[in-house]
Amino acid sequence: MAAEVVGSALINRAKSLPVPLVRFLARWPSPALQSAAPKSSPGLDSSSPASTDSTPSDLGTSDTDASTPPVSQILTASDTTVNRNPFEPWRHPSTGRWRPPVYSMRQQRELCKMAADHGVEELLWASKKATWFKEKKLIEQGLRLRNAGPGKRVKGHKWERTLSSRLEERRQAMLGMPAMIEEWKRLGHGRGWKKWPK
């Protein structure tokens, strides 16, 4: 019962995804997507004729885009099960040579941003452009400095430490500017003026 609820929730969420993200999930289903997909659900079987009527195959796109995979192909990754991450370089098993990632860093960033905007970033493979990876790196960089972890402060430069007090002095000076102008005019436009600014 829980698997059917998860599967229907994934189907409803997949209908609102952009086309590049749907194509990526159809071609490279992540382990999280493969484990969440119901394996023997009759409504998601692509071979049954009833599934073509109940599940839209275009996901809200135009009729000219015939290469967009249906939702059933995304959620039932039986034939397209992949064991490697397309975001990382991999070593060919027979030749032993390293191959570059299938998706470049720019493409990874675009996919991760689209997935984060639609709330399905946990369904992607692990990437250096993912939100959780960037947050983890920021925490690790902070821990490398002494007394600079989560909830702690770094000493910083002198201008950073004195910035708040200088901004407060400027604010008070701007509030007292009308009175200063009146005094400047009363003294004869600078005659006998001893204060700053000169």
N, C-alpha and C. Protein backbone atom coordinates (compact mmCIF):
# COMPACT_ATOMS: atom_id res chain seq x y z
N MET A 1 0.83 -1.20 0.00
CA MET A 1 0.00 0.00 0.00
C MET A 1 0.86 1.25 0.00
N ALA A 2 1.95 1.23 0.81
CA ALA A 2 2.83 2.40 0.86
C ALA A 2 3.54 2.60 -0.46
N ALA A 3 3.91 1.50 -1.12
CA ALA A 3 4.59 1.61 -2.41
C ALA A 3 3.68 2.23 -3.46
N GLU A 4 2.37 1.91 -3.40
CA GLU A 4 1.43 2.49 -4.35
C GLU A 4 1.27 3.99 -4.11
N VAL A 5 1.27 4.41 -2.85
CA VAL A 5 1.15 5.83 -2.53
C VAL A 5 2.37 6.59 -3.01
N VAL A 6 3.57 5.99 -2.77
CA VAL A 6 4.80 6.63 -3.24
C VAL A 6 4.82 6.70 -4.75
N GLY A 7 4.39 5.62 -5.42
CA GLY A 7 4.37 5.60 -6.88
C GLY A 7 3.42 6.64 -7.45
N SER A 8 2.22 6.78 -6.87
CA SER A 8 1.28 7.79 -7.37
C SER A 8 1.78 9.19 -7.11
N ALA A 9 2.44 9.40 -5.96
CA ALA A 9 3.02 10.72 -5.69
C ALA A 9 4.12 11.06 -6.68
N LEU A 10 4.95 10.07 -7.03
CA LEU A 10 6.00 10.30 -8.02
C LEU A 10 5.43 10.59 -9.40
N ILE A 11 4.34 9.91 -9.74
CA ILE A 11 3.71 10.15 -11.04
C ILE A 11 3.16 11.57 -11.10
N ASN A 12 2.47 12.00 -10.05
CA ASN A 12 1.92 13.36 -10.04
C ASN A 12 3.02 14.40 -10.09
N ARG A 13 4.13 14.15 -9.40
CA ARG A 13 5.23 15.09 -9.43
C ARG A 13 5.94 15.08 -10.78
N ALA A 14 6.01 13.91 -11.42
CA ALA A 14 6.69 13.82 -12.71
C ALA A 14 5.92 14.53 -13.82
N LYS A 15 4.61 14.69 -13.67
CA LYS A 15 3.83 15.37 -14.70
C LYS A 15 4.17 16.84 -14.81
N SER A 16 4.67 17.43 -13.72
CA SER A 16 4.97 18.86 -13.73
C SER A 16 6.44 19.15 -14.00
N LEU A 17 7.26 18.14 -14.25
CA LEU A 17 8.69 18.36 -14.46
C LEU A 17 8.97 18.88 -15.86
N PRO A 18 10.04 19.67 -16.03
CA PRO A 18 10.41 20.09 -17.39
C PRO A 18 10.95 18.92 -18.19
N VAL A 19 10.92 19.08 -19.51
CA VAL A 19 11.28 17.99 -20.43
C VAL A 19 12.73 17.53 -20.26
N PRO A 20 13.74 18.43 -20.14
CA PRO A 20 15.11 17.92 -19.97
C PRO A 20 15.29 17.07 -18.72
N LEU A 21 14.59 17.43 -17.65
CA LEU A 21 14.70 16.65 -16.42
C LEU A 21 14.02 15.30 -16.56
N VAL A 22 12.89 15.26 -17.27
CA VAL A 22 12.20 13.98 -17.50
C VAL A 22 13.07 13.05 -18.35
N ARG A 23 13.72 13.62 -19.37
CA ARG A 23 14.60 12.79 -20.20
C ARG A 23 15.77 12.24 -19.40
N PHE A 24 16.33 13.08 -18.52
CA PHE A 24 17.46 12.60 -17.72
C PHE A 24 17.02 11.47 -16.78
N LEU A 25 15.88 11.64 -16.11
CA LEU A 25 15.41 10.60 -15.19
C LEU A 25 15.03 9.32 -15.92
N ALA A 26 14.58 9.44 -17.17
CA ALA A 26 14.25 8.24 -17.93
C ALA A 26 15.51 7.50 -18.37
N ARG A 27 16.55 8.26 -18.73
CA ARG A 27 17.77 7.62 -19.21
C ARG A 27 18.65 7.14 -18.06
N TRP A 28 18.74 7.95 -16.98
CA TRP A 28 19.61 7.63 -15.86
C TRP A 28 18.80 7.61 -14.56
N PRO A 29 17.99 6.58 -14.33
CA PRO A 29 17.26 6.52 -13.06
C PRO A 29 18.21 6.25 -11.90
N SER A 30 18.14 7.11 -10.90
CA SER A 30 19.04 7.00 -9.76
C SER A 30 18.62 5.83 -8.87
N PRO A 31 19.49 5.37 -7.96
CA PRO A 31 19.09 4.30 -7.04
C PRO A 31 17.89 4.67 -6.18
N ALA A 32 17.76 5.96 -5.82
CA ALA A 32 16.60 6.37 -5.04
C ALA A 32 15.32 6.22 -5.85
N LEU A 33 15.37 6.54 -7.13
CA LEU A 33 14.20 6.40 -7.99
C LEU A 33 13.89 4.94 -8.27
N GLN A 34 14.92 4.11 -8.42
CA GLN A 34 14.70 2.68 -8.67
C GLN A 34 14.11 1.99 -7.46
N SER A 35 14.54 2.40 -6.25
CA SER A 35 14.00 1.76 -5.05
C SER A 35 12.58 2.23 -4.76
N ALA A 36 12.24 3.47 -5.15
CA ALA A 36 10.90 3.99 -4.89
C ALA A 36 9.89 3.55 -5.93
N ALA A 37 10.35 3.10 -7.09
CA ALA A 37 9.43 2.73 -8.16
C ALA A 37 8.77 1.40 -7.85
N PRO A 38 7.45 1.30 -8.00
CA PRO A 38 6.78 0.00 -7.81
C PRO A 38 7.14 -0.94 -8.95
N LYS A 39 7.51 -2.15 -8.59
CA LYS A 39 8.03 -3.10 -9.58
C LYS A 39 6.91 -3.80 -10.35
N SER A 40 5.82 -4.18 -9.68
CA SER A 40 4.80 -5.00 -10.34
C SER A 40 3.44 -4.34 -10.29
N SER A 41 3.40 -3.04 -10.49
CA SER A 41 2.11 -2.36 -10.50
C SER A 41 1.50 -2.46 -11.88
N PRO A 42 0.24 -2.92 -11.99
CA PRO A 42 -0.34 -3.07 -13.32
C PRO A 42 -0.60 -1.73 -13.99
N GLY A 43 -0.81 -0.68 -13.23
CA GLY A 43 -1.08 0.62 -13.83
C GLY A 43 0.14 1.26 -14.43
N LEU A 44 1.34 0.82 -14.05
CA LEU A 44 2.57 1.42 -14.55
C LEU A 44 3.30 0.52 -15.54
N ASP A 45 2.69 -0.58 -15.91
CA ASP A 45 3.33 -1.48 -16.86
C ASP A 45 3.19 -0.90 -18.26
N SER A 46 4.33 -0.68 -18.91
CA SER A 46 4.30 -0.06 -20.23
C SER A 46 3.80 -1.01 -21.31
N SER A 47 3.77 -2.32 -21.03
CA SER A 47 3.34 -3.27 -22.05
C SER A 47 1.82 -3.42 -22.08
N SER A 48 1.13 -3.03 -20.99
CA SER A 48 -0.31 -3.21 -20.96
C SER A 48 -0.98 -2.09 -21.73
N PRO A 49 -2.07 -2.36 -22.47
CA PRO A 49 -2.73 -1.31 -23.24
C PRO A 49 -3.47 -0.32 -22.35
N ALA A 50 -3.87 -0.70 -21.14
CA ALA A 50 -4.60 0.20 -20.27
C ALA A 50 -3.71 1.31 -19.76
N SER A 51 -2.40 1.05 -19.68
CA SER A 51 -1.50 2.07 -19.13
C SER A 51 -1.33 3.23 -20.09
N THR A 52 -1.52 3.01 -21.39
CA THR A 52 -1.37 4.10 -22.34
C THR A 52 -2.54 5.07 -22.24
N ASP A 53 -3.71 4.56 -21.81
CA ASP A 53 -4.85 5.46 -21.67
C ASP A 53 -4.80 6.24 -20.36
N SER A 54 -4.35 5.59 -19.28
CA SER A 54 -4.39 6.23 -17.97
C SER A 54 -3.19 7.13 -17.72
N THR A 55 -2.04 6.81 -18.34
CA THR A 55 -0.83 7.59 -18.09
C THR A 55 -0.48 8.41 -19.32
N PRO A 56 -0.41 9.72 -19.21
CA PRO A 56 -0.05 10.52 -20.39
C PRO A 56 1.39 10.30 -20.76
N SER A 57 1.62 10.22 -22.07
CA SER A 57 2.98 9.97 -22.53
C SER A 57 3.72 11.24 -22.89
N ASP A 58 3.01 12.37 -22.98
CA ASP A 58 3.71 13.58 -23.40
C ASP A 58 4.04 14.49 -22.24
N LEU A 59 3.51 14.24 -21.04
CA LEU A 59 3.79 15.03 -19.84
C LEU A 59 3.52 16.51 -20.05
N GLY A 60 2.52 16.86 -20.81
CA GLY A 60 2.14 18.24 -20.97
C GLY A 60 2.93 18.98 -22.03
N THR A 61 3.67 18.28 -22.88
CA THR A 61 4.45 18.94 -23.92
C THR A 61 3.67 18.92 -25.23
N SER A 62 4.26 19.51 -26.24
CA SER A 62 3.60 19.59 -27.54
C SER A 62 3.65 18.24 -28.26
N ASP A 63 2.87 18.15 -29.34
CA ASP A 63 2.83 16.91 -30.10
C ASP A 63 4.11 16.72 -30.91
N THR A 64 4.86 17.79 -31.17
CA THR A 64 6.07 17.65 -31.97
C THR A 64 7.19 16.97 -31.19
N ASP A 65 7.12 16.99 -29.87
CA ASP A 65 8.18 16.39 -29.07
C ASP A 65 7.82 14.93 -28.79
N ALA A 66 8.14 14.07 -29.74
CA ALA A 66 7.78 12.66 -29.60
C ALA A 66 8.82 11.88 -28.83
N SER A 67 9.98 12.47 -28.55
CA SER A 67 11.04 11.73 -27.87
C SER A 67 10.92 11.79 -26.36
N THR A 68 9.93 12.48 -25.82
CA THR A 68 9.76 12.57 -24.38
C THR A 68 9.24 11.23 -23.85
N PRO A 69 9.90 10.63 -22.88
CA PRO A 69 9.48 9.31 -22.40
C PRO A 69 8.25 9.43 -21.52
N PRO A 70 7.41 8.39 -21.50
CA PRO A 70 6.25 8.42 -20.61
C PRO A 70 6.67 8.24 -19.16
N VAL A 71 5.73 8.54 -18.27
CA VAL A 71 6.02 8.44 -16.84
C VAL A 71 6.29 7.00 -16.44
N SER A 72 5.64 6.06 -17.11
CA SER A 72 5.85 4.65 -16.76
C SER A 72 7.29 4.22 -17.01
N GLN A 73 7.93 4.79 -18.05
CA GLN A 73 9.32 4.44 -18.30
C GLN A 73 10.24 5.03 -17.26
N ILE A 74 9.85 6.16 -16.68
CA ILE A 74 10.68 6.78 -15.65
C ILE A 74 10.63 5.96 -14.37
N LEU A 75 9.42 5.54 -13.99
CA LEU A 75 9.25 4.91 -12.69
C LEU A 75 9.55 3.43 -12.70
N THR A 76 9.41 2.76 -13.83
CA THR A 76 9.74 1.33 -13.91
C THR A 76 11.04 1.19 -14.66
N ALA A 77 12.13 1.23 -13.94
CA ALA A 77 13.45 1.17 -14.56
C ALA A 77 13.94 -0.27 -14.54
N SER A 78 13.24 -1.14 -15.24
CA SER A 78 13.64 -2.55 -15.25
C SER A 78 14.70 -2.82 -16.31
N ASP A 79 14.46 -2.26 -17.53
CA ASP A 79 15.41 -2.50 -18.62
C ASP A 79 16.54 -1.50 -18.62
N THR A 80 16.33 -0.31 -18.06
CA THR A 80 17.34 0.75 -18.13
C THR A 80 18.06 0.93 -16.80
N THR A 81 18.21 -0.14 -16.04
CA THR A 81 18.91 -0.04 -14.76
C THR A 81 20.38 0.26 -15.00
N VAL A 82 20.86 1.33 -14.39
CA VAL A 82 22.23 1.78 -14.57
C VAL A 82 22.92 1.74 -13.22
N ASN A 83 24.18 1.26 -13.20
CA ASN A 83 24.90 1.14 -11.95
C ASN A 83 26.00 2.17 -11.80
N ARG A 84 26.12 3.13 -12.71
CA ARG A 84 27.17 4.14 -12.59
C ARG A 84 26.57 5.53 -12.61
N ASN A 85 27.30 6.45 -12.02
CA ASN A 85 26.85 7.83 -11.90
C ASN A 85 27.23 8.58 -13.18
N PRO A 86 26.27 9.19 -13.90
CA PRO A 86 26.62 9.92 -15.13
C PRO A 86 27.28 11.26 -14.85
N PHE A 87 27.33 11.68 -13.57
CA PHE A 87 27.94 12.94 -13.21
C PHE A 87 29.42 12.80 -12.85
N GLU A 88 29.93 11.57 -12.82
CA GLU A 88 31.32 11.34 -12.43
C GLU A 88 32.07 10.61 -13.54
N PRO A 89 33.39 10.80 -13.64
CA PRO A 89 34.15 10.02 -14.61
C PRO A 89 34.17 8.53 -14.21
N TRP A 90 34.27 7.68 -15.19
CA TRP A 90 34.25 6.25 -14.90
C TRP A 90 35.29 5.54 -15.76
N ARG A 91 35.71 4.40 -15.27
CA ARG A 91 36.74 3.61 -15.92
C ARG A 91 36.10 2.47 -16.70
N HIS A 92 36.46 2.38 -17.95
CA HIS A 92 35.89 1.33 -18.79
C HIS A 92 36.41 -0.02 -18.31
N PRO A 93 35.51 -1.01 -18.12
CA PRO A 93 35.96 -2.28 -17.53
C PRO A 93 36.88 -3.09 -18.44
N SER A 94 36.69 -3.02 -19.75
CA SER A 94 37.52 -3.86 -20.63
C SER A 94 38.83 -3.18 -21.02
N THR A 95 38.80 -1.89 -21.30
CA THR A 95 40.02 -1.20 -21.73
C THR A 95 40.81 -0.61 -20.57
N GLY A 96 40.15 -0.33 -19.46
CA GLY A 96 40.82 0.28 -18.32
C GLY A 96 41.06 1.76 -18.46
N ARG A 97 40.52 2.40 -19.50
CA ARG A 97 40.72 3.82 -19.70
C ARG A 97 39.59 4.61 -19.06
N TRP A 98 39.95 5.80 -18.60
CA TRP A 98 38.96 6.66 -17.95
C TRP A 98 38.16 7.43 -18.98
N ARG A 99 36.87 7.51 -18.78
CA ARG A 99 35.97 8.27 -19.63
C ARG A 99 35.47 9.49 -18.85
N PRO A 100 35.25 10.60 -19.53
CA PRO A 100 34.72 11.78 -18.82
C PRO A 100 33.26 11.57 -18.43
N PRO A 101 32.74 12.41 -17.56
CA PRO A 101 31.31 12.29 -17.21
C PRO A 101 30.42 12.50 -18.43
N VAL A 102 29.26 11.89 -18.41
CA VAL A 102 28.31 12.03 -19.51
C VAL A 102 27.80 13.47 -19.58
N TYR A 103 27.61 14.09 -18.41
CA TYR A 103 27.10 15.45 -18.33
C TYR A 103 28.20 16.36 -17.78
N SER A 104 28.43 17.47 -18.45
CA SER A 104 29.45 18.42 -18.02
C SER A 104 28.99 19.14 -16.75
N MET A 105 29.89 19.94 -16.19
CA MET A 105 29.54 20.67 -14.97
C MET A 105 28.42 21.68 -15.23
N ARG A 106 28.42 22.29 -16.40
CA ARG A 106 27.35 23.23 -16.73
C ARG A 106 26.00 22.52 -16.81
N GLN A 107 25.99 21.35 -17.48
CA GLN A 107 24.75 20.58 -17.58
C GLN A 107 24.31 20.06 -16.21
N GLN A 108 25.27 19.67 -15.37
CA GLN A 108 24.92 19.23 -14.02
C GLN A 108 24.28 20.36 -13.23
N ARG A 109 24.86 21.58 -13.36
CA ARG A 109 24.31 22.72 -12.63
C ARG A 109 22.88 23.01 -13.08
N GLU A 110 22.63 22.95 -14.39
CA GLU A 110 21.28 23.23 -14.88
C GLU A 110 20.29 22.17 -14.41
N LEU A 111 20.69 20.90 -14.45
CA LEU A 111 19.79 19.83 -14.00
C LEU A 111 19.51 19.94 -12.51
N CYS A 112 20.55 20.23 -11.71
CA CYS A 112 20.35 20.35 -10.27
C CYS A 112 19.47 21.55 -9.92
N LYS A 113 19.63 22.66 -10.66
CA LYS A 113 18.78 23.82 -10.40
C LYS A 113 17.33 23.54 -10.76
N MET A 114 17.11 22.85 -11.90
CA MET A 114 15.74 22.49 -12.27
C MET A 114 15.13 21.55 -11.25
N ALA A 115 15.91 20.56 -10.81
CA ALA A 115 15.39 19.60 -9.84
C ALA A 115 15.10 20.27 -8.50
N ALA A 116 15.96 21.21 -8.09
CA ALA A 116 15.73 21.92 -6.82
C ALA A 116 14.51 22.81 -6.91
N ASP A 117 14.28 23.43 -8.07
CA ASP A 117 13.10 24.28 -8.23
C ASP A 117 11.81 23.48 -8.15
N HIS A 118 11.84 22.23 -8.61
CA HIS A 118 10.64 21.39 -8.61
C HIS A 118 10.60 20.42 -7.43
N GLY A 119 11.59 20.48 -6.54
CA GLY A 119 11.56 19.67 -5.33
C GLY A 119 11.88 18.21 -5.52
N VAL A 120 12.63 17.86 -6.55
CA VAL A 120 12.97 16.45 -6.80
C VAL A 120 14.48 16.26 -6.86
N GLU A 121 15.23 17.09 -6.15
CA GLU A 121 16.68 17.00 -6.22
C GLU A 121 17.20 15.70 -5.60
N GLU A 122 16.42 15.12 -4.68
CA GLU A 122 16.87 13.86 -4.07
C GLU A 122 16.79 12.69 -5.04
N LEU A 123 16.13 12.86 -6.18
CA LEU A 123 16.04 11.78 -7.17
C LEU A 123 17.21 11.77 -8.15
N LEU A 124 18.06 12.79 -8.10
CA LEU A 124 19.22 12.84 -9.00
C LEU A 124 20.39 12.06 -8.41
N TRP A 125 21.37 11.79 -9.25
CA TRP A 125 22.60 11.19 -8.79
C TRP A 125 23.41 12.21 -8.01
N ALA A 126 24.38 11.75 -7.24
CA ALA A 126 25.24 12.65 -6.46
C ALA A 126 26.09 13.49 -7.41
N SER A 127 26.08 14.81 -7.19
CA SER A 127 26.81 15.73 -8.05
C SER A 127 27.46 16.81 -7.21
N LYS A 128 28.56 17.38 -7.74
CA LYS A 128 29.22 18.48 -7.05
C LYS A 128 28.41 19.77 -7.13
N LYS A 129 27.42 19.81 -8.01
CA LYS A 129 26.57 20.99 -8.15
C LYS A 129 25.28 20.89 -7.35
N ALA A 130 25.11 19.81 -6.61
CA ALA A 130 23.90 19.66 -5.80
C ALA A 130 23.95 20.60 -4.60
N THR A 131 22.77 20.94 -4.10
CA THR A 131 22.68 21.88 -2.97
C THR A 131 23.31 21.30 -1.72
N TRP A 132 23.03 20.03 -1.45
CA TRP A 132 23.55 19.43 -0.22
C TRP A 132 25.08 19.33 -0.27
N PHE A 133 25.65 19.11 -1.46
CA PHE A 133 27.11 19.01 -1.58
C PHE A 133 27.76 20.37 -1.33
N LYS A 134 27.16 21.44 -1.84
CA LYS A 134 27.71 22.78 -1.63
C LYS A 134 27.65 23.17 -0.16
N GLU A 135 26.54 22.85 0.51
CA GLU A 135 26.44 23.15 1.94
C GLU A 135 27.47 22.36 2.74
N LYS A 136 27.68 21.11 2.36
CA LYS A 136 28.68 20.28 3.04
C LYS A 136 30.08 20.85 2.88
N LYS A 137 30.41 21.32 1.66
CA LYS A 137 31.73 21.90 1.42
C LYS A 137 31.93 23.19 2.21
N LEU A 138 30.87 24.00 2.33
CA LEU A 138 30.98 25.23 3.11
C LEU A 138 31.27 24.92 4.57
N ILE A 139 30.60 23.90 5.12
CA ILE A 139 30.84 23.53 6.52
C ILE A 139 32.25 22.99 6.69
N GLU A 140 32.72 22.17 5.72
CA GLU A 140 34.08 21.63 5.82
C GLU A 140 35.12 22.73 5.73
N GLN A 141 34.91 23.71 4.87
CA GLN A 141 35.85 24.82 4.77
C GLN A 141 35.86 25.65 6.05
N GLY A 142 34.70 25.77 6.67
CA GLY A 142 34.64 26.49 7.93
C GLY A 142 35.34 25.74 9.05
N LEU A 143 35.25 24.41 9.04
CA LEU A 143 35.89 23.62 10.08
C LEU A 143 37.40 23.59 9.93
N ARG A 144 37.92 23.89 8.73
CA ARG A 144 39.37 23.92 8.57
C ARG A 144 39.99 25.10 9.32
N LEU A 145 39.24 26.19 9.49
CA LEU A 145 39.73 27.33 10.23
C LEU A 145 39.51 27.11 11.72
N ARG A 146 40.37 27.69 12.54
CA ARG A 146 40.24 27.55 13.98
C ARG A 146 39.04 28.38 14.46
N ASN A 147 38.22 27.80 15.30
CA ASN A 147 37.03 28.44 15.86
C ASN A 147 36.10 28.95 14.76
N ALA A 148 35.95 28.19 13.68
CA ALA A 148 35.11 28.65 12.58
C ALA A 148 34.20 27.53 12.09
N GLY A 149 33.44 26.95 12.97
CA GLY A 149 32.49 25.94 12.57
C GLY A 149 31.09 26.52 12.53
N PRO A 150 30.09 25.67 12.47
CA PRO A 150 28.71 26.18 12.51
C PRO A 150 28.42 26.83 13.85
N GLY A 151 27.91 28.05 13.80
CA GLY A 151 27.59 28.79 15.02
C GLY A 151 28.75 29.54 15.63
N LYS A 152 29.91 29.55 14.98
CA LYS A 152 31.07 30.27 15.50
C LYS A 152 31.48 31.36 14.53
N ARG A 153 32.29 32.31 15.01
CA ARG A 153 32.70 33.44 14.22
C ARG A 153 34.20 33.45 14.00
N VAL A 154 34.61 33.94 12.82
CA VAL A 154 36.02 34.10 12.51
C VAL A 154 36.42 35.51 12.92
N LYS A 155 37.70 35.70 13.27
CA LYS A 155 38.15 37.04 13.67
C LYS A 155 37.93 38.05 12.56
N GLY A 156 38.32 37.76 11.35
CA GLY A 156 38.09 38.64 10.23
C GLY A 156 39.06 39.81 10.17
N HIS A 157 38.96 40.63 9.12
CA HIS A 157 39.79 41.82 8.97
C HIS A 157 39.29 42.93 9.89
N LYS A 158 40.13 43.94 10.05
CA LYS A 158 39.76 45.04 10.94
C LYS A 158 38.56 45.80 10.38
N TRP A 159 38.52 46.00 9.07
CA TRP A 159 37.38 46.73 8.51
C TRP A 159 36.08 45.93 8.66
N GLU A 160 36.18 44.60 8.71
CA GLU A 160 34.97 43.79 8.94
C GLU A 160 34.52 43.87 10.39
N ARG A 161 35.48 43.93 11.31
CA ARG A 161 35.12 44.00 12.73
C ARG A 161 34.53 45.36 13.11
N THR A 162 35.00 46.43 12.45
CA THR A 162 34.55 47.77 12.81
C THR A 162 33.46 48.29 11.88
N LEU A 163 32.94 47.45 11.00
CA LEU A 163 31.97 47.92 10.03
C LEU A 163 30.66 48.36 10.68
N SER A 164 30.17 47.60 11.64
CA SER A 164 28.88 47.95 12.25
C SER A 164 28.95 49.27 13.00
N SER A 165 30.06 49.51 13.73
CA SER A 165 30.17 50.78 14.46
C SER A 165 30.31 51.96 13.50
N ARG A 166 31.03 51.79 12.39
CA ARG A 166 31.17 52.87 11.42
C ARG A 166 29.85 53.17 10.73
N LEU A 167 29.08 52.15 10.43
CA LEU A 167 27.77 52.37 9.83
C LEU A 167 26.83 53.09 10.79
N GLU A 168 26.93 52.79 12.08
CA GLU A 168 26.10 53.49 13.07
C GLU A 168 26.50 54.95 13.18
N GLU A 169 27.81 55.24 13.13
CA GLU A 169 28.26 56.63 13.15
C GLU A 169 27.75 57.39 11.93
N ARG A 170 27.77 56.75 10.77
CA ARG A 170 27.25 57.41 9.58
C ARG A 170 25.75 57.67 9.70
N ARG A 171 25.04 56.73 10.27
CA ARG A 171 23.59 56.91 10.42
C ARG A 171 23.28 58.07 11.35
N GLN A 172 24.01 58.15 12.47
CA GLN A 172 23.80 59.26 13.39
C GLN A 172 24.19 60.59 12.75
N ALA A 173 25.25 60.60 11.93
CA ALA A 173 25.65 61.83 11.25
C ALA A 173 24.59 62.27 10.25
N MET A 174 23.98 61.32 9.54
CA MET A 174 22.93 61.69 8.58
C MET A 174 21.69 62.20 9.29
N LEU A 175 21.39 61.65 10.48
CA LEU A 175 20.24 62.16 11.24
C LEU A 175 20.49 63.58 11.73
N GLY A 176 21.74 63.90 12.08
CA GLY A 176 22.05 65.24 12.57
C GLY A 176 22.46 66.21 11.49
N MET A 177 22.34 65.78 10.21
CA MET A 177 22.76 66.65 9.12
C MET A 177 21.95 67.94 9.00
N PRO A 178 20.62 67.98 9.16
CA PRO A 178 19.89 69.26 9.04
C PRO A 178 20.33 70.29 10.08
N ALA A 179 20.56 69.84 11.32
CA ALA A 179 21.03 70.78 12.35
C ALA A 179 22.42 71.30 12.03
N MET A 180 23.30 70.45 11.47
CA MET A 180 24.64 70.87 11.11
C MET A 180 24.60 71.92 9.98
N ILE A 181 23.70 71.72 9.01
CA ILE A 181 23.58 72.68 7.92
C ILE A 181 23.09 74.04 8.43
N GLU A 182 22.14 74.00 9.34
CA GLU A 182 21.64 75.25 9.92
C GLU A 182 22.74 75.98 10.67
N GLU A 183 23.54 75.27 11.44
CA GLU A 183 24.63 75.91 12.18
C GLU A 183 25.69 76.45 11.23
N TRP A 184 25.95 75.72 10.14
CA TRP A 184 26.91 76.19 9.13
C TRP A 184 26.46 77.52 8.53
N LYS A 185 25.19 77.61 8.20
CA LYS A 185 24.66 78.86 7.64
C LYS A 185 24.64 79.98 8.67
N ARG A 186 24.35 79.66 9.94
CA ARG A 186 24.29 80.68 10.98
C ARG A 186 25.65 81.28 11.28
N LEU A 187 26.71 80.47 11.19
CA LEU A 187 28.06 80.97 11.46
C LEU A 187 28.64 81.72 10.26
N GLY A 188 27.96 81.79 9.16
CA GLY A 188 28.46 82.52 8.01
C GLY A 188 29.18 81.64 7.02
N HIS A 189 28.64 80.48 6.76
CA HIS A 189 29.16 79.55 5.75
C HIS A 189 30.61 79.17 6.01
N GLY A 190 30.91 78.76 7.23
CA GLY A 190 32.21 78.21 7.54
C GLY A 190 33.07 79.07 8.42
N ARG A 191 32.69 80.33 8.66
CA ARG A 191 33.52 81.18 9.52
C ARG A 191 33.33 80.75 10.96
N GLY A 192 34.43 80.46 11.62
CA GLY A 192 34.36 80.01 13.00
C GLY A 192 33.96 78.56 13.16
N TRP A 193 33.98 77.80 12.09
CA TRP A 193 33.60 76.37 12.15
C TRP A 193 34.77 75.55 12.64
N LYS A 194 34.59 74.85 13.76
CA LYS A 194 35.67 74.06 14.37
C LYS A 194 35.44 72.56 14.30
N LYS A 195 34.25 72.17 13.85
CA LYS A 195 33.91 70.73 13.88
C LYS A 195 34.33 70.06 12.58
N TRP A 196 34.21 68.74 12.58
CA TRP A 196 34.41 67.98 11.36
C TRP A 196 33.07 67.82 10.66
N PRO A 197 32.92 67.90 9.37
CA PRO A 197 33.98 68.12 8.37
C PRO A 197 34.37 69.57 8.23
N LYS A 198 35.60 69.80 7.87
CA LYS A 198 36.08 71.16 7.76
C LYS A 198 35.77 71.72 6.38
